[in-house]
């Protein structure tokens, strides 16, 4: 994923997630920043803070993906579904 190493602004992230309620999504993002899953990386050309996903955040994403794969396998095995 090349986007992981590319800085982004909170506004960019909010645009990406525009289908959620803006204020609620904004709170989720600030919690991710507070917990260190998203970290400050610098400033944009317009002097807005930019962020990147931290190694801690990447590990969580990997774990979510692995967990999904395990659950999908278990569900398919249980219900005799072949993918």
PDB file of N, CA and C in Angstrom:
ATOM      1  N   UNK A   1       0.825  -1.175   0.000  1.00  0.00           N
ATOM      2  CA  UNK A   1       0.000   0.000   0.000  1.00  0.00           C
ATOM      3  C   UNK A   1       0.877   1.249   0.000  1.00  0.00           C
ATOM      4  N   UNK A   2       0.916   1.944  -1.078  1.00  0.00           N
ATOM      5  CA  UNK A   2       1.748   3.141  -1.146  1.00  0.00           C
ATOM      6  C   UNK A   2       1.182   4.279  -0.321  1.00  0.00           C
ATOM      7  N   UNK A   3      -0.112   4.278  -0.044  1.00  0.00           N
ATOM      8  CA  UNK A   3      -0.720   5.364   0.718  1.00  0.00           C
ATOM      9  C   UNK A   3      -0.213   5.412   2.154  1.00  0.00           C
ATOM     10  N   UNK A   4       0.255   4.303   2.685  1.00  0.00           N
ATOM     11  CA  UNK A   4       0.724   4.263   4.065  1.00  0.00           C
ATOM     12  C   UNK A   4       1.908   5.205   4.258  1.00  0.00           C
ATOM     13  N   UNK A   5       2.776   5.307   3.284  1.00  0.00           N
ATOM     14  CA  UNK A   5       3.962   6.138   3.407  1.00  0.00           C
ATOM     15  C   UNK A   5       3.777   7.548   2.884  1.00  0.00           C
ATOM     16  N   UNK A   6       2.585   7.891   2.453  1.00  0.00           N
ATOM     17  CA  UNK A   6       2.329   9.222   1.912  1.00  0.00           C
ATOM     18  C   UNK A   6       1.586  10.052   2.957  1.00  0.00           C
ATOM     19  N   UNK A   7       2.107  11.211   3.343  1.00  0.00           N
ATOM     20  CA  UNK A   7       1.420  12.034   4.335  1.00  0.00           C
ATOM     21  C   UNK A   7       0.043  12.476   3.846  1.00  0.00           C
ATOM     22  N   UNK A   8      -0.862  12.681   4.794  1.00  0.00           N
ATOM     23  CA  UNK A   8      -2.200  13.134   4.470  1.00  0.00           C
ATOM     24  C   UNK A   8      -2.654  14.109   5.550  1.00  0.00           C
ATOM     25  N   UNK A   9      -3.601  14.963   5.217  1.00  0.00           N
ATOM     26  CA  UNK A   9      -4.170  15.874   6.210  1.00  0.00           C
ATOM     27  C   UNK A   9      -5.431  15.240   6.782  1.00  0.00           C
ATOM     28  N   UNK A  10      -5.861  15.744   7.912  1.00  0.00           N
ATOM     29  CA  UNK A  10      -7.099  15.258   8.506  1.00  0.00           C
ATOM     30  C   UNK A  10      -8.256  15.530   7.545  1.00  0.00           C
ATOM     31  N   UNK A  11      -8.222  16.665   6.857  1.00  0.00           N
ATOM     32  CA  UNK A  11      -9.262  16.985   5.877  1.00  0.00           C
ATOM     33  C   UNK A  11      -9.311  15.927   4.777  1.00  0.00           C
ATOM     34  N   UNK A  12      -8.135  15.476   4.294  1.00  0.00           N
ATOM     35  CA  UNK A  12      -8.091  14.408   3.290  1.00  0.00           C
ATOM     36  C   UNK A  12      -8.776  13.153   3.818  1.00  0.00           C
ATOM     37  N   UNK A  13      -8.482  12.819   5.056  1.00  0.00           N
ATOM     38  CA  UNK A  13      -9.066  11.638   5.657  1.00  0.00           C
ATOM     39  C   UNK A  13     -10.575  11.803   5.837  1.00  0.00           C
ATOM     40  N   UNK A  14     -11.005  12.976   6.235  1.00  0.00           N
ATOM     41  CA  UNK A  14     -12.440  13.233   6.381  1.00  0.00           C
ATOM     42  C   UNK A  14     -13.156  13.153   5.049  1.00  0.00           C
ATOM     43  N   UNK A  15     -12.532  13.662   3.987  1.00  0.00           N
ATOM     44  CA  UNK A  15     -13.140  13.548   2.654  1.00  0.00           C
ATOM     45  C   UNK A  15     -13.300  12.083   2.268  1.00  0.00           C
ATOM     46  N   UNK A  16     -12.274  11.285   2.578  1.00  0.00           N
ATOM     47  CA  UNK A  16     -12.307   9.862   2.263  1.00  0.00           C
ATOM     48  C   UNK A  16     -13.471   9.168   2.980  1.00  0.00           C
ATOM     49  N   UNK A  17     -13.762   9.626   4.172  1.00  0.00           N
ATOM     50  CA  UNK A  17     -14.796   8.990   4.990  1.00  0.00           C
ATOM     51  C   UNK A  17     -16.061   9.841   5.064  1.00  0.00           C
ATOM     52  N   UNK A  18     -16.340  10.596   4.026  1.00  0.00           N
ATOM     53  CA  UNK A  18     -17.435  11.574   4.042  1.00  0.00           C
ATOM     54  C   UNK A  18     -18.804  10.965   4.321  1.00  0.00           C
ATOM     55  N   UNK A  19     -18.981   9.686   4.109  1.00  0.00           N
ATOM     56  CA  UNK A  19     -20.290   9.083   4.329  1.00  0.00           C
ATOM     57  C   UNK A  19     -20.624   8.923   5.806  1.00  0.00           C
ATOM     58  N   UNK A  20     -19.652   9.088   6.688  1.00  0.00           N
ATOM     59  CA  UNK A  20     -19.916   9.091   8.123  1.00  0.00           C
ATOM     60  C   UNK A  20     -20.265  10.506   8.569  1.00  0.00           C
ATOM     61  N   UNK A  21     -20.878  10.626   9.712  1.00  0.00           N
ATOM     62  CA  UNK A  21     -21.137  11.941  10.286  1.00  0.00           C
ATOM     63  C   UNK A  21     -19.783  12.600  10.560  1.00  0.00           C
ATOM     64  N   UNK A  22     -19.605  13.801  10.044  1.00  0.00           N
ATOM     65  CA  UNK A  22     -18.323  14.496  10.112  1.00  0.00           C
ATOM     66  C   UNK A  22     -17.801  14.606  11.549  1.00  0.00           C
ATOM     67  N   UNK A  23     -18.610  15.075  12.467  1.00  0.00           N
ATOM     68  CA  UNK A  23     -18.148  15.266  13.844  1.00  0.00           C
ATOM     69  C   UNK A  23     -17.799  13.956  14.522  1.00  0.00           C
ATOM     70  N   UNK A  24     -18.566  12.916  14.262  1.00  0.00           N
ATOM     71  CA  UNK A  24     -18.270  11.620  14.858  1.00  0.00           C
ATOM     72  C   UNK A  24     -16.956  11.076  14.302  1.00  0.00           C
ATOM     73  N   UNK A  25     -16.780  11.161  12.993  1.00  0.00           N
ATOM     74  CA  UNK A  25     -15.553  10.671  12.367  1.00  0.00           C
ATOM     75  C   UNK A  25     -14.348  11.465  12.864  1.00  0.00           C
ATOM     76  N   UNK A  26     -14.526  12.757  13.018  1.00  0.00           N
ATOM     77  CA  UNK A  26     -13.447  13.614  13.510  1.00  0.00           C
ATOM     78  C   UNK A  26     -13.000  13.143  14.897  1.00  0.00           C
ATOM     79  N   UNK A  27     -13.934  12.774  15.756  1.00  0.00           N
ATOM     80  CA  UNK A  27     -13.586  12.274  17.087  1.00  0.00           C
ATOM     81  C   UNK A  27     -12.826  10.953  17.005  1.00  0.00           C
ATOM     82  N   UNK A  28     -13.251  10.050  16.116  1.00  0.00           N
ATOM     83  CA  UNK A  28     -12.526   8.788  15.931  1.00  0.00           C
ATOM     84  C   UNK A  28     -11.084   9.046  15.502  1.00  0.00           C
ATOM     85  N   UNK A  29     -10.919   9.973  14.565  1.00  0.00           N
ATOM     86  CA  UNK A  29      -9.572  10.275  14.058  1.00  0.00           C
ATOM     87  C   UNK A  29      -8.704  10.834  15.178  1.00  0.00           C
ATOM     88  N   UNK A  30      -9.247  11.750  15.959  1.00  0.00           N
ATOM     89  CA  UNK A  30      -8.445  12.326  17.042  1.00  0.00           C
ATOM     90  C   UNK A  30      -8.083  11.286  18.094  1.00  0.00           C
ATOM     91  N   UNK A  31      -8.942  10.302  18.318  1.00  0.00           N
ATOM     92  CA  UNK A  31      -8.600   9.211  19.233  1.00  0.00           C
ATOM     93  C   UNK A  31      -7.462   8.376  18.651  1.00  0.00           C
ATOM     94  N   UNK A  32      -7.510   8.106  17.335  1.00  0.00           N
ATOM     95  CA  UNK A  32      -6.422   7.357  16.692  1.00  0.00           C
ATOM     96  C   UNK A  32      -5.100   8.107  16.812  1.00  0.00           C
ATOM     97  N   UNK A  33      -5.154   9.421  16.687  1.00  0.00           N
ATOM     98  CA  UNK A  33      -3.945  10.245  16.850  1.00  0.00           C
ATOM     99  C   UNK A  33      -3.479  10.157  18.301  1.00  0.00           C
ATOM    100  N   UNK A  34      -4.388  10.336  19.237  1.00  0.00           N
ATOM    101  CA  UNK A  34      -4.050  10.316  20.666  1.00  0.00           C
ATOM    102  C   UNK A  34      -3.410   8.989  21.079  1.00  0.00           C
ATOM    103  N   UNK A  35      -3.891   7.883  20.506  1.00  0.00           N
ATOM    104  CA  UNK A  35      -3.369   6.564  20.854  1.00  0.00           C
ATOM    105  C   UNK A  35      -2.120   6.173  20.058  1.00  0.00           C
ATOM    106  N   UNK A  36      -1.728   7.006  19.095  1.00  0.00           N
ATOM    107  CA  UNK A  36      -0.496   6.748  18.359  1.00  0.00           C
ATOM    108  C   UNK A  36      -0.637   5.881  17.128  1.00  0.00           C
ATOM    109  N   UNK A  37      -1.868   5.633  16.665  1.00  0.00           N
ATOM    110  CA  UNK A  37      -2.059   4.837  15.457  1.00  0.00           C
ATOM    111  C   UNK A  37      -1.864   5.691  14.200  1.00  0.00           C
ATOM    112  N   UNK A  38      -2.100   6.978  14.340  1.00  0.00           N
ATOM    113  CA  UNK A  38      -1.826   7.962  13.298  1.00  0.00           C
ATOM    114  C   UNK A  38      -0.931   9.007  13.951  1.00  0.00           C
ATOM    115  N   UNK A  39       0.176   9.367  13.290  1.00  0.00           N
ATOM    116  CA  UNK A  39       1.123  10.304  13.891  1.00  0.00           C
ATOM    117  C   UNK A  39       1.400  11.488  12.965  1.00  0.00           C
ATOM    118  N   UNK A  40       1.718  12.608  13.585  1.00  0.00           N
ATOM    119  CA  UNK A  40       2.057  13.819  12.856  1.00  0.00           C
ATOM    120  C   UNK A  40       3.337  13.597  12.065  1.00  0.00           C
ATOM    121  N   UNK A  41       3.330  13.995  10.785  1.00  0.00           N
ATOM    122  CA  UNK A  41       4.531  13.802   9.958  1.00  0.00           C
ATOM    123  C   UNK A  41       5.112  15.108   9.437  1.00  0.00           C
ATOM    124  N   UNK A  42       4.378  16.198   9.523  1.00  0.00           N
ATOM    125  CA  UNK A  42       4.890  17.474   9.032  1.00  0.00           C
ATOM    126  C   UNK A  42       3.763  18.421   8.707  1.00  0.00           C
ATOM    127  N   UNK A  43       4.042  19.328   7.788  1.00  0.00           N
ATOM    128  CA  UNK A  43       3.056  20.311   7.364  1.00  0.00           C
ATOM    129  C   UNK A  43       2.888  20.264   5.856  1.00  0.00           C
ATOM    130  N   UNK A  44       1.664  20.514   5.392  1.00  0.00           N
ATOM    131  CA  UNK A  44       1.405  20.588   3.953  1.00  0.00           C
ATOM    132  C   UNK A  44       1.906  21.928   3.423  1.00  0.00           C
ATOM    133  N   UNK A  45       1.801  22.115   2.105  1.00  0.00           N
ATOM    134  CA  UNK A  45       2.214  23.378   1.503  1.00  0.00           C
ATOM    135  C   UNK A  45       1.455  24.559   2.084  1.00  0.00           C
ATOM    136  N   UNK A  46       0.218  24.310   2.501  1.00  0.00           N
ATOM    137  CA  UNK A  46      -0.605  25.377   3.092  1.00  0.00           C
ATOM    138  C   UNK A  46      -0.482  25.423   4.610  1.00  0.00           C
ATOM    139  N   UNK A  47       0.519  24.736   5.145  1.00  0.00           N
ATOM    140  CA  UNK A  47       0.821  24.730   6.573  1.00  0.00           C
ATOM    141  C   UNK A  47      -0.223  24.013   7.429  1.00  0.00           C
ATOM    142  N   UNK A  48      -0.935  23.056   6.835  1.00  0.00           N
ATOM    143  CA  UNK A  48      -1.841  22.207   7.605  1.00  0.00           C
ATOM    144  C   UNK A  48      -1.053  20.986   8.067  1.00  0.00           C
ATOM    145  N   UNK A  49      -1.301  20.506   9.289  1.00  0.00           N
ATOM    146  CA  UNK A  49      -0.591  19.308   9.762  1.00  0.00           C
ATOM    147  C   UNK A  49      -0.890  18.111   8.853  1.00  0.00           C
ATOM    148  N   UNK A  50       0.126  17.319   8.564  1.00  0.00           N
ATOM    149  CA  UNK A  50      -0.056  16.071   7.821  1.00  0.00           C
ATOM    150  C   UNK A  50       0.288  14.904   8.741  1.00  0.00           C
ATOM    151  N   UNK A  51      -0.334  13.774   8.473  1.00  0.00           N
ATOM    152  CA  UNK A  51      -0.198  12.601   9.327  1.00  0.00           C
ATOM    153  C   UNK A  51       0.120  11.374   8.487  1.00  0.00           C
ATOM    154  N   UNK A  52       0.685  10.369   9.126  1.00  0.00           N
ATOM    155  CA  UNK A  52       0.894   9.068   8.495  1.00  0.00           C
ATOM    156  C   UNK A  52       0.420   7.985   9.470  1.00  0.00           C
ATOM    157  N   UNK A  53       0.150   6.825   8.937  1.00  0.00           N
ATOM    158  CA  UNK A  53      -0.195   5.687   9.787  1.00  0.00           C
ATOM    159  C   UNK A  53       1.103   5.177  10.405  1.00  0.00           C
ATOM    160  N   UNK A  54       1.122   5.035  11.717  1.00  0.00           N
ATOM    161  CA  UNK A  54       2.324   4.590  12.414  1.00  0.00           C
ATOM    162  C   UNK A  54       2.509   3.081  12.259  1.00  0.00           C
ATOM    163  N   UNK A  55       3.664   2.603  12.672  1.00  0.00           N
ATOM    164  CA  UNK A  55       3.906   1.154  12.661  1.00  0.00           C
ATOM    165  C   UNK A  55       2.876   0.445  13.534  1.00  0.00           C
ATOM    166  N   UNK A  56       2.531   1.057  14.652  1.00  0.00           N
ATOM    167  CA  UNK A  56       1.501   0.518  15.540  1.00  0.00           C
ATOM    168  C   UNK A  56       0.168   0.400  14.789  1.00  0.00           C
ATOM    169  N   UNK A  57      -0.163   1.417  14.004  1.00  0.00           N
ATOM    170  CA  UNK A  57      -1.384   1.402  13.205  1.00  0.00           C
ATOM    171  C   UNK A  57      -1.344   0.338  12.124  1.00  0.00           C
ATOM    172  N   UNK A  58      -0.188   0.185  11.487  1.00  0.00           N
ATOM    173  CA  UNK A  58      -0.030  -0.828  10.443  1.00  0.00           C
ATOM    174  C   UNK A  58      -0.208  -2.225  11.032  1.00  0.00           C
ATOM    175  N   UNK A  59       0.329  -2.445  12.224  1.00  0.00           N
ATOM    176  CA  UNK A  59       0.172  -3.746  12.878  1.00  0.00           C
ATOM    177  C   UNK A  59      -1.302  -4.048  13.155  1.00  0.00           C
ATOM    178  N   UNK A  60      -2.058  -3.043  13.567  1.00  0.00           N
ATOM    179  CA  UNK A  60      -3.486  -3.242  13.819  1.00  0.00           C
ATOM    180  C   UNK A  60      -4.205  -3.588  12.516  1.00  0.00           C
ATOM    181  N   UNK A  61      -3.874  -2.895  11.432  1.00  0.00           N
ATOM    182  CA  UNK A  61      -4.484  -3.178  10.132  1.00  0.00           C
ATOM    183  C   UNK A  61      -4.178  -4.616   9.705  1.00  0.00           C
ATOM    184  N   UNK A  62      -2.936  -5.036   9.890  1.00  0.00           N
ATOM    185  CA  UNK A  62      -2.554  -6.410   9.544  1.00  0.00           C
ATOM    186  C   UNK A  62      -3.337  -7.414  10.385  1.00  0.00           C
ATOM    187  N   UNK A  63      -3.462  -7.142  11.676  1.00  0.00           N
ATOM    188  CA  UNK A  63      -4.193  -8.049  12.565  1.00  0.00           C
ATOM    189  C   UNK A  63      -5.663  -8.120  12.176  1.00  0.00           C
ATOM    190  N   UNK A  64      -6.267  -6.986  11.818  1.00  0.00           N
ATOM    191  CA  UNK A  64      -7.659  -6.999  11.367  1.00  0.00           C
ATOM    192  C   UNK A  64      -7.821  -7.861  10.117  1.00  0.00           C
ATOM    193  N   UNK A  65      -6.878  -7.729   9.188  1.00  0.00           N
ATOM    194  CA  UNK A  65      -6.933  -8.513   7.959  1.00  0.00           C
ATOM    195  C   UNK A  65      -6.777 -10.006   8.256  1.00  0.00           C
ATOM    196  N   UNK A  66      -5.808 -10.359   9.103  1.00  0.00           N
ATOM    197  CA  UNK A  66      -5.601 -11.764   9.451  1.00  0.00           C
ATOM    198  C   UNK A  66      -6.811 -12.328  10.186  1.00  0.00           C
ATOM    199  N   UNK A  67      -7.390 -11.540  11.083  1.00  0.00           N
ATOM    200  CA  UNK A  67      -8.579 -11.966  11.818  1.00  0.00           C
ATOM    201  C   UNK A  67      -9.748 -12.196  10.864  1.00  0.00           C
ATOM    202  N   UNK A  68      -9.911 -11.301   9.894  1.00  0.00           N
ATOM    203  CA  UNK A  68     -10.963 -11.451   8.890  1.00  0.00           C
ATOM    204  C   UNK A  68     -10.767 -12.748   8.110  1.00  0.00           C
ATOM    205  N   UNK A  69      -9.532 -13.010   7.699  1.00  0.00           N
ATOM    206  CA  UNK A  69      -9.239 -14.226   6.939  1.00  0.00           C
ATOM    207  C   UNK A  69      -9.562 -15.474   7.759  1.00  0.00           C
ATOM    208  N   UNK A  70      -9.204 -15.459   9.046  1.00  0.00           N
ATOM    209  CA  UNK A  70      -9.504 -16.606   9.914  1.00  0.00           C
ATOM    210  C   UNK A  70     -11.010 -16.817  10.046  1.00  0.00           C
ATOM    211  N   UNK A  71     -11.731 -15.729  10.281  1.00  0.00           N
ATOM    212  CA  UNK A  71     -13.184 -15.831  10.450  1.00  0.00           C
ATOM    213  C   UNK A  71     -13.870 -16.273   9.160  1.00  0.00           C
ATOM    214  N   UNK A  72     -13.397 -15.770   8.028  1.00  0.00           N
ATOM    215  CA  UNK A  72     -13.958 -16.170   6.739  1.00  0.00           C
ATOM    216  C   UNK A  72     -13.733 -17.664   6.515  1.00  0.00           C
ATOM    217  N   UNK A  73     -12.525 -18.137   6.793  1.00  0.00           N
ATOM    218  CA  UNK A  73     -12.217 -19.561   6.639  1.00  0.00           C
ATOM    219  C   UNK A  73     -13.114 -20.406   7.544  1.00  0.00           C
ATOM    220  N   UNK A  74     -13.244 -19.975   8.806  1.00  0.00           N
ATOM    221  CA  UNK A  74     -14.078 -20.709   9.755  1.00  0.00           C
ATOM    222  C   UNK A  74     -15.532 -20.729   9.295  1.00  0.00           C
ATOM    223  N   UNK A  75     -16.055 -19.595   8.855  1.00  0.00           N
ATOM    224  CA  UNK A  75     -17.438 -19.517   8.386  1.00  0.00           C
ATOM    225  C   UNK A  75     -17.652 -20.436   7.183  1.00  0.00           C
ATOM    226  N   UNK A  76     -16.747 -20.369   6.208  1.00  0.00           N
ATOM    227  CA  UNK A  76     -16.877 -21.198   5.004  1.00  0.00           C
ATOM    228  C   UNK A  76     -16.773 -22.682   5.338  1.00  0.00           C
ATOM    229  N   UNK A  77     -15.867 -23.031   6.238  1.00  0.00           N
ATOM    230  CA  UNK A  77     -15.712 -24.426   6.630  1.00  0.00           C
ATOM    231  C   UNK A  77     -16.956 -24.920   7.355  1.00  0.00           C
ATOM    232  N   UNK A  78     -17.480 -24.107   8.238  1.00  0.00           N
ATOM    233  CA  UNK A  78     -18.662 -24.472   9.012  1.00  0.00           C
ATOM    234  C   UNK A  78     -19.890 -24.668   8.123  1.00  0.00           C
ATOM    235  N   UNK A  79     -20.010 -23.861   7.094  1.00  0.00           N
ATOM    236  CA  UNK A  79     -21.203 -23.894   6.229  1.00  0.00           C
ATOM    237  C   UNK A  79     -20.955 -24.601   4.898  1.00  0.00           C
ATOM    238  N   UNK A  80     -19.823 -25.305   4.833  1.00  0.00           N
ATOM    239  CA  UNK A  80     -19.516 -26.093   3.637  1.00  0.00           C
ATOM    240  C   UNK A  80     -19.510 -25.248   2.366  1.00  0.00           C
ATOM    241  N   UNK A  81     -18.892 -24.081   2.446  1.00  0.00           N
ATOM    242  CA  UNK A  81     -18.802 -23.166   1.314  1.00  0.00           C
ATOM    243  C   UNK A  81     -17.374 -23.216   0.784  1.00  0.00           C
ATOM    244  N   UNK A  82     -17.255 -23.393  -0.523  1.00  0.00           N
ATOM    245  CA  UNK A  82     -15.941 -23.427  -1.140  1.00  0.00           C
ATOM    246  C   UNK A  82     -15.748 -22.157  -1.970  1.00  0.00           C
ATOM    247  N   UNK A  83     -14.702 -21.436  -1.657  1.00  0.00           N
ATOM    248  CA  UNK A  83     -14.415 -20.203  -2.423  1.00  0.00           C
ATOM    249  C   UNK A  83     -13.420 -20.456  -3.524  1.00  0.00           C
TER     250      UNK A  83
END
